[in-house]
C-alpha atoms as a PDB file:
ATOM      1  CA  MET A   1     -69.827-133.743-129.712  1.00  0.00           C
ATOM      2  CA  LYS A   2     -68.002-136.056-127.299  1.00  0.00           C
ATOM      3  CA  ALA A   3     -70.880-137.840-125.587  1.00  0.00           C
ATOM      4  CA  LYS A   4     -73.142-140.801-125.933  1.00  0.00           C
ATOM      5  CA  PHE A   5     -76.898-140.447-126.406  1.00  0.00           C
ATOM      6  CA  GLN A   6     -79.817-142.522-125.248  1.00  0.00           C
ATOM      7  CA  VAL A   7     -83.499-142.106-126.093  1.00  0.00           C
ATOM      8  CA  VAL A   8     -85.830-144.105-123.835  1.00  0.00           C
ATOM      9  CA  GLY A   9     -89.405-144.897-124.913  1.00  0.00           C
ATOM     10  CA  GLU A  10     -88.827-144.510-128.617  1.00  0.00           C
ATOM     11  CA  GLY A  11     -87.919-148.108-129.488  1.00  0.00           C
ATOM     12  CA  SER A  12     -84.420-149.226-128.504  1.00  0.00           C
ATOM     13  CA  ALA A  13     -82.716-147.483-125.546  1.00  0.00           C
ATOM     14  CA  ASP A  14     -79.229-148.366-126.887  1.00  0.00           C
ATOM     15  CA  LEU A  15     -76.475-145.812-126.535  1.00  0.00           C
ATOM     16  CA  MET A  16     -75.603-143.952-129.752  1.00  0.00           C
ATOM     17  CA  SER A  17     -72.686-141.819-130.904  1.00  0.00           C
ATOM     18  CA  TRP A  18     -73.330-138.185-131.874  1.00  0.00           C
ATOM     19  CA  ASP A  19     -73.374-139.166-135.545  1.00  0.00           C
ATOM     20  CA  GLU A  20     -75.875-141.987-135.000  1.00  0.00           C
ATOM     21  CA  PHE A  21     -78.064-139.772-132.807  1.00  0.00           C
ATOM     22  CA  LYS A  22     -77.984-136.865-135.286  1.00  0.00           C
ATOM     23  CA  ALA A  23     -78.853-139.141-138.236  1.00  0.00           C
ATOM     24  CA  ARG A  24     -81.821-140.616-136.371  1.00  0.00           C
ATOM     25  CA  PHE A  25     -83.245-137.585-134.637  1.00  0.00           C
ATOM     26  CA  TRP A  26     -82.057-134.434-136.417  1.00  0.00           C
ATOM     27  CA  LEU A  27     -85.506-133.605-137.784  1.00  0.00           C
ATOM     28  CA  ARG A  28     -86.701-133.319-134.180  1.00  0.00           C
ATOM     29  CA  PHE A  29     -83.970-130.845-133.059  1.00  0.00           C
ATOM     30  CA  ILE A  30     -85.462-127.718-131.657  1.00  0.00           C
ATOM     31  CA  SER A  31     -82.627-125.761-130.080  1.00  0.00           C
ATOM     32  CA  PRO A  32     -80.067-126.027-127.328  1.00  0.00           C
ATOM     33  CA  PRO A  33     -81.763-125.897-123.919  1.00  0.00           C
ATOM     34  CA  MET A  34     -82.240-122.409-122.502  1.00  0.00           C
ATOM     35  CA  VAL A  35     -81.108-123.449-119.024  1.00  0.00           C
ATOM     36  CA  GLN A  36     -77.755-122.861-117.323  1.00  0.00           C
ATOM     37  CA  SER A  37     -76.737-126.399-116.464  1.00  0.00           C
ATOM     38  CA  LEU A  38     -73.656-127.154-114.427  1.00  0.00           C
ATOM     39  CA  ARG A  39     -72.689-129.815-116.997  1.00  0.00           C
ATOM     40  CA  GLU A  40     -71.163-128.522-120.191  1.00  0.00           C
ATOM     41  CA  VAL A  41     -72.515-131.429-122.245  1.00  0.00           C
ATOM     42  CA  LEU A  42     -76.117-130.394-121.431  1.00  0.00           C
ATOM     43  CA  LYS A  43     -75.494-126.775-122.350  1.00  0.00           C
ATOM     44  CA  VAL A  44     -74.925-127.808-125.975  1.00  0.00           C
ATOM     45  CA  ALA A  45     -77.181-130.883-126.257  1.00  0.00           C
ATOM     46  CA  PRO A  46     -80.260-130.112-128.403  1.00  0.00           C
ATOM     47  CA  ARG A  47     -83.816-130.288-127.216  1.00  0.00           C
ATOM     48  CA  LEU A  48     -85.930-132.699-129.224  1.00  0.00           C
ATOM     49  CA  ARG A  49     -89.520-132.171-130.233  1.00  0.00           C
ATOM     50  CA  GLY A  50     -91.799-134.639-128.430  1.00  0.00           C
ATOM     51  CA  LEU A  51     -89.217-135.782-125.891  1.00  0.00           C
ATOM     52  CA  ALA A  52     -88.282-134.770-122.337  1.00  0.00           C
ATOM     53  CA  GLY A  53     -84.629-133.857-121.777  1.00  0.00           C
ATOM     54  CA  PRO A  54     -81.775-133.613-122.236  1.00  0.00           C
ATOM     55  CA  PHE A  55     -80.760-135.272-118.926  1.00  0.00           C
ATOM     56  CA  TYR A  56     -77.361-136.295-117.620  1.00  0.00           C
ATOM     57  CA  ASN A  57     -77.228-140.096-117.264  1.00  0.00           C
ATOM     58  CA  GLY A  58     -73.741-140.754-115.904  1.00  0.00           C
ATOM     59  CA  GLU A  59     -70.756-141.844-117.971  1.00  0.00           C
ATOM     60  CA  GLN A  60     -69.753-144.814-120.060  1.00  0.00           C
ATOM     61  CA  ASP A  61     -66.306-145.465-121.479  1.00  0.00           C
ATOM     62  CA  GLY A  62     -65.215-142.049-120.153  1.00  0.00           C
ATOM     63  CA  LEU A  63     -67.903-140.155-122.072  1.00  0.00           C
ATOM     64  CA  PRO A  64     -70.994-138.482-120.600  1.00  0.00           C
ATOM     65  CA  VAL A  65     -74.363-140.033-121.496  1.00  0.00           C
ATOM     66  CA  VAL A  66     -77.120-137.637-122.516  1.00  0.00           C
ATOM     67  CA  ARG A  67     -80.554-139.149-122.000  1.00  0.00           C
ATOM     68  CA  TYR A  68     -83.915-138.257-123.529  1.00  0.00           C
ATOM     69  CA  GLU A  69     -87.244-139.814-122.612  1.00  0.00           C
ATOM     70  CA  SER A  70     -90.663-140.086-124.173  1.00  0.00           C
ATOM     71  CA  TRP A  71     -93.195-138.153-122.111  1.00  0.00           C
ATOM     72  CA  ALA A  72     -94.831-141.499-121.126  1.00  0.00           C
ATOM     73  CA  VAL A  73     -91.524-142.752-119.679  1.00  0.00           C
ATOM     74  CA  TYR A  74     -90.867-139.417-118.019  1.00  0.00           C
ATOM     75  CA  GLU A  75     -94.277-139.464-116.324  1.00  0.00           C
ATOM     76  CA  ALA A  76     -93.840-143.058-115.217  1.00  0.00           C
ATOM     77  CA  LEU A  77     -90.420-142.371-113.710  1.00  0.00           C
ATOM     78  CA  SER A  78     -91.511-139.132-112.085  1.00  0.00           C
ATOM     79  CA  ASN A  79     -94.323-140.735-110.033  1.00  0.00           C
END
């Protein structure tokens, strides 16, 4: 997948390639989101058990950034 991934609230919030993201979080993959997003990258990004997202988080180096957040971070940013 041509995107960068970021998980906030689960240790480091560094950007990861698809391979790094998959190696670290594949056991938490649930399924692709069941929502019709306008952004193609979010249509195929997996949902992760225990995390909010996927969310679009802009672009870096010409690639979209897909962001996930712990529920604690999501709640803090939503208030």
